[in-house]
Amino acid sequence: MRVLVYGSELSAATAAAALAWVGHHVQWLPHSDAPWSVLSKVDWLRSEPQLITHLEQGLADGTLQILERLENADIPEVIWLALSPAQRSSASKLLEDPLLADQRGIVLINNSTFPVGRPSACMR
């Protein structure tokens, strides 16, 4: 599956690593509040058992790609949201982006720490 993981939370990192590890094509778009240049240096990324190892393996194998901008993404089959409550509005903005807004049949997984509601209603 082609999966777009969006967010900079631990749940985004673990989802990206796990999905890539089992062979899915994962594009991880960290939130602009904590881009990869920041995330790659945080302690929790390295202290979570096997996380950095699986991320590095996915990058080396080509099953994981870390994006700086959405426009560099392929059209996904699955969008995996992993955002903090303060980033909730970012979910709607992502889903309203021209790359994704007119797509049909994309599965939305909300692994964020905010309740399901308006962001999932944007998917058609």
C-alpha atoms as a PDB file:
ATOM      1  CA  MET A   1       0.000   0.000   0.000  1.00  0.00           C
ATOM      2  CA  ARG A   2       0.994   3.606  -0.526  1.00  0.00           C
ATOM      3  CA  VAL A   3       0.685   5.330   2.840  1.00  0.00           C
ATOM      4  CA  LEU A   4       1.122   8.997   3.657  1.00  0.00           C
ATOM      5  CA  VAL A   5       1.893   9.481   7.359  1.00  0.00           C
ATOM      6  CA  TYR A   6       1.384  13.057   8.515  1.00  0.00           C
ATOM      7  CA  GLY A   7       2.672  14.338  11.837  1.00  0.00           C
ATOM      8  CA  SER A   8       5.652  14.628  14.138  1.00  0.00           C
ATOM      9  CA  GLU A   9       4.305  12.746  17.138  1.00  0.00           C
ATOM     10  CA  LEU A  10       5.751   9.472  18.404  1.00  0.00           C
ATOM     11  CA  SER A  11       2.735   7.748  16.855  1.00  0.00           C
ATOM     12  CA  ALA A  12       3.744   9.130  13.425  1.00  0.00           C
ATOM     13  CA  ALA A  13       7.297   7.868  13.762  1.00  0.00           C
ATOM     14  CA  THR A  14       6.258   4.420  14.960  1.00  0.00           C
ATOM     15  CA  ALA A  15       3.584   4.108  12.254  1.00  0.00           C
ATOM     16  CA  ALA A  16       6.037   5.135   9.531  1.00  0.00           C
ATOM     17  CA  ALA A  17       8.667   2.697  10.798  1.00  0.00           C
ATOM     18  CA  ALA A  18       6.285  -0.224  11.291  1.00  0.00           C
ATOM     19  CA  LEU A  19       4.440   0.200   7.992  1.00  0.00           C
ATOM     20  CA  ALA A  20       7.699   0.493   6.047  1.00  0.00           C
ATOM     21  CA  TRP A  21       9.168  -2.472   7.938  1.00  0.00           C
ATOM     22  CA  VAL A  22       6.364  -4.763   6.737  1.00  0.00           C
ATOM     23  CA  GLY A  23       6.827  -3.596   3.147  1.00  0.00           C
ATOM     24  CA  HIS A  24       4.378  -0.770   2.527  1.00  0.00           C
ATOM     25  CA  HIS A  25       5.509   2.258   0.501  1.00  0.00           C
ATOM     26  CA  VAL A  26       5.480   4.966   3.189  1.00  0.00           C
ATOM     27  CA  GLN A  27       5.918   8.668   2.683  1.00  0.00           C
ATOM     28  CA  TRP A  28       6.215  10.466   6.006  1.00  0.00           C
ATOM     29  CA  LEU A  29       5.436  14.163   6.067  1.00  0.00           C
ATOM     30  CA  PRO A  30       6.415  15.521   9.485  1.00  0.00           C
ATOM     31  CA  HIS A  31       4.356  18.480  10.650  1.00  0.00           C
ATOM     32  CA  SER A  32       5.946  21.877   9.994  1.00  0.00           C
ATOM     33  CA  ASP A  33       6.111  22.455  13.774  1.00  0.00           C
ATOM     34  CA  ALA A  34       8.788  19.733  13.934  1.00  0.00           C
ATOM     35  CA  PRO A  35      10.286  18.930  10.520  1.00  0.00           C
ATOM     36  CA  TRP A  36      12.704  16.026  10.051  1.00  0.00           C
ATOM     37  CA  SER A  37      15.699  18.309  10.598  1.00  0.00           C
ATOM     38  CA  VAL A  38      14.393  18.817  14.161  1.00  0.00           C
ATOM     39  CA  LEU A  39      12.906  15.367  14.729  1.00  0.00           C
ATOM     40  CA  SER A  40      16.055  13.521  13.757  1.00  0.00           C
ATOM     41  CA  LYS A  41      17.759  15.070  16.807  1.00  0.00           C
ATOM     42  CA  VAL A  42      15.115  14.487  19.500  1.00  0.00           C
ATOM     43  CA  ASP A  43      15.923  12.093  22.333  1.00  0.00           C
ATOM     44  CA  TRP A  44      12.658  10.132  22.210  1.00  0.00           C
ATOM     45  CA  LEU A  45      13.325   9.064  18.636  1.00  0.00           C
ATOM     46  CA  ARG A  46      16.510   7.329  19.718  1.00  0.00           C
ATOM     47  CA  SER A  47      15.289   6.083  23.106  1.00  0.00           C
ATOM     48  CA  GLU A  48      12.241   4.239  21.721  1.00  0.00           C
ATOM     49  CA  PRO A  49      13.480   0.633  21.239  1.00  0.00           C
ATOM     50  CA  GLN A  50      14.312  -0.212  17.613  1.00  0.00           C
ATOM     51  CA  LEU A  51      12.552   2.899  16.255  1.00  0.00           C
ATOM     52  CA  ILE A  52      15.535   4.675  14.711  1.00  0.00           C
ATOM     53  CA  THR A  53      16.852   1.335  13.430  1.00  0.00           C
ATOM     54  CA  HIS A  54      13.579   0.620  11.605  1.00  0.00           C
ATOM     55  CA  LEU A  55      13.391   4.159  10.244  1.00  0.00           C
ATOM     56  CA  GLU A  56      16.939   3.971   8.921  1.00  0.00           C
ATOM     57  CA  GLN A  57      16.265   0.519   7.445  1.00  0.00           C
ATOM     58  CA  GLY A  58      13.144   1.796   5.683  1.00  0.00           C
ATOM     59  CA  LEU A  59      15.062   4.752   4.276  1.00  0.00           C
ATOM     60  CA  ALA A  60      17.859   2.457   3.069  1.00  0.00           C
ATOM     61  CA  ASP A  61      15.429  -0.101   1.588  1.00  0.00           C
ATOM     62  CA  GLY A  62      13.358   2.574  -0.127  1.00  0.00           C
ATOM     63  CA  THR A  63      10.145   1.591   1.662  1.00  0.00           C
ATOM     64  CA  LEU A  64      10.248   4.884   3.586  1.00  0.00           C
ATOM     65  CA  GLN A  65      10.671   8.373   2.248  1.00  0.00           C
ATOM     66  CA  ILE A  66      10.650  11.470   4.440  1.00  0.00           C
ATOM     67  CA  LEU A  67       9.051  14.461   2.747  1.00  0.00           C
ATOM     68  CA  GLU A  68       9.509  18.158   3.377  1.00  0.00           C
ATOM     69  CA  ARG A  69       6.408  19.211   1.421  1.00  0.00           C
ATOM     70  CA  LEU A  70       3.149  17.554   0.415  1.00  0.00           C
ATOM     71  CA  GLU A  71       3.644  18.451  -3.232  1.00  0.00           C
ATOM     72  CA  ASN A  72       6.464  15.873  -3.326  1.00  0.00           C
ATOM     73  CA  ALA A  73       4.068  13.062  -2.325  1.00  0.00           C
ATOM     74  CA  ASP A  74       2.575  10.352  -4.471  1.00  0.00           C
ATOM     75  CA  ILE A  75      -1.205   9.945  -4.338  1.00  0.00           C
ATOM     76  CA  PRO A  76      -1.667   7.655  -1.326  1.00  0.00           C
ATOM     77  CA  GLU A  77      -4.121   4.832  -0.769  1.00  0.00           C
ATOM     78  CA  VAL A  78      -4.051   5.580   2.963  1.00  0.00           C
ATOM     79  CA  ILE A  79      -3.570   8.825   4.887  1.00  0.00           C
ATOM     80  CA  TRP A  80      -2.388   8.247   8.437  1.00  0.00           C
ATOM     81  CA  LEU A  81      -2.844  11.283  10.691  1.00  0.00           C
ATOM     82  CA  ALA A  82      -0.723  11.470  13.848  1.00  0.00           C
ATOM     83  CA  LEU A  83      -1.118  15.023  15.116  1.00  0.00           C
ATOM     84  CA  SER A  84      -1.343  16.739  18.487  1.00  0.00           C
ATOM     85  CA  PRO A  85      -4.532  18.553  19.574  1.00  0.00           C
ATOM     86  CA  ALA A  86      -2.863  21.899  18.768  1.00  0.00           C
ATOM     87  CA  GLN A  87      -2.341  20.714  15.191  1.00  0.00           C
ATOM     88  CA  ARG A  88      -5.941  19.623  14.575  1.00  0.00           C
ATOM     89  CA  SER A  89      -6.580  22.317  11.965  1.00  0.00           C
ATOM     90  CA  SER A  90      -3.607  20.994  10.008  1.00  0.00           C
ATOM     91  CA  ALA A  91      -5.559  17.811   9.312  1.00  0.00           C
ATOM     92  CA  SER A  92      -8.255  19.750   7.446  1.00  0.00           C
ATOM     93  CA  LYS A  93      -5.650  21.776   5.556  1.00  0.00           C
ATOM     94  CA  LEU A  94      -3.902  18.592   4.448  1.00  0.00           C
ATOM     95  CA  LEU A  95      -7.131  16.993   3.259  1.00  0.00           C
ATOM     96  CA  GLU A  96      -8.169  20.150   1.412  1.00  0.00           C
ATOM     97  CA  ASP A  97      -4.856  20.358  -0.468  1.00  0.00           C
ATOM     98  CA  PRO A  98      -5.406  20.083  -4.265  1.00  0.00           C
ATOM     99  CA  LEU A  99      -3.231  16.942  -4.383  1.00  0.00           C
ATOM    100  CA  LEU A 100      -5.700  15.086  -2.145  1.00  0.00           C
ATOM    101  CA  ALA A 101      -9.006  16.984  -2.218  1.00  0.00           C
ATOM    102  CA  ASP A 102     -10.386  15.455  -5.418  1.00  0.00           C
ATOM    103  CA  GLN A 103      -9.196  11.914  -4.760  1.00  0.00           C
ATOM    104  CA  ARG A 104     -11.742   9.188  -4.105  1.00  0.00           C
ATOM    105  CA  GLY A 105     -11.321   6.013  -2.104  1.00  0.00           C
ATOM    106  CA  ILE A 106      -8.455   7.105   0.129  1.00  0.00           C
ATOM    107  CA  VAL A 107      -8.669   5.517   3.563  1.00  0.00           C
ATOM    108  CA  LEU A 108      -8.165   7.946   6.444  1.00  0.00           C
ATOM    109  CA  ILE A 109      -6.725   6.703   9.717  1.00  0.00           C
ATOM    110  CA  ASN A 110      -6.787   9.159  12.604  1.00  0.00           C
ATOM    111  CA  ASN A 111      -4.080   8.084  15.050  1.00  0.00           C
ATOM    112  CA  SER A 112      -3.993  11.595  16.491  1.00  0.00           C
ATOM    113  CA  THR A 113      -4.578  12.613  20.066  1.00  0.00           C
ATOM    114  CA  PHE A 114      -7.711  14.560  19.180  1.00  0.00           C
ATOM    115  CA  PRO A 115     -11.199  13.091  18.623  1.00  0.00           C
ATOM    116  CA  VAL A 116     -12.522  12.080  15.230  1.00  0.00           C
ATOM    117  CA  GLY A 117     -14.738  14.749  13.751  1.00  0.00           C
ATOM    118  CA  ARG A 118     -14.499  17.364  11.056  1.00  0.00           C
ATOM    119  CA  PRO A 119     -11.150  16.238   9.503  1.00  0.00           C
ATOM    120  CA  SER A 120     -12.529  12.819   8.555  1.00  0.00           C
ATOM    121  CA  ALA A 121     -15.636  14.433   7.070  1.00  0.00           C
ATOM    122  CA  CYS A 122     -13.438  16.057   4.427  1.00  0.00           C
ATOM    123  CA  MET A 123     -12.646  12.708   2.776  1.00  0.00           C
ATOM    124  CA  ARG A 124     -14.995  11.606   0.026  1.00  0.00           C
END
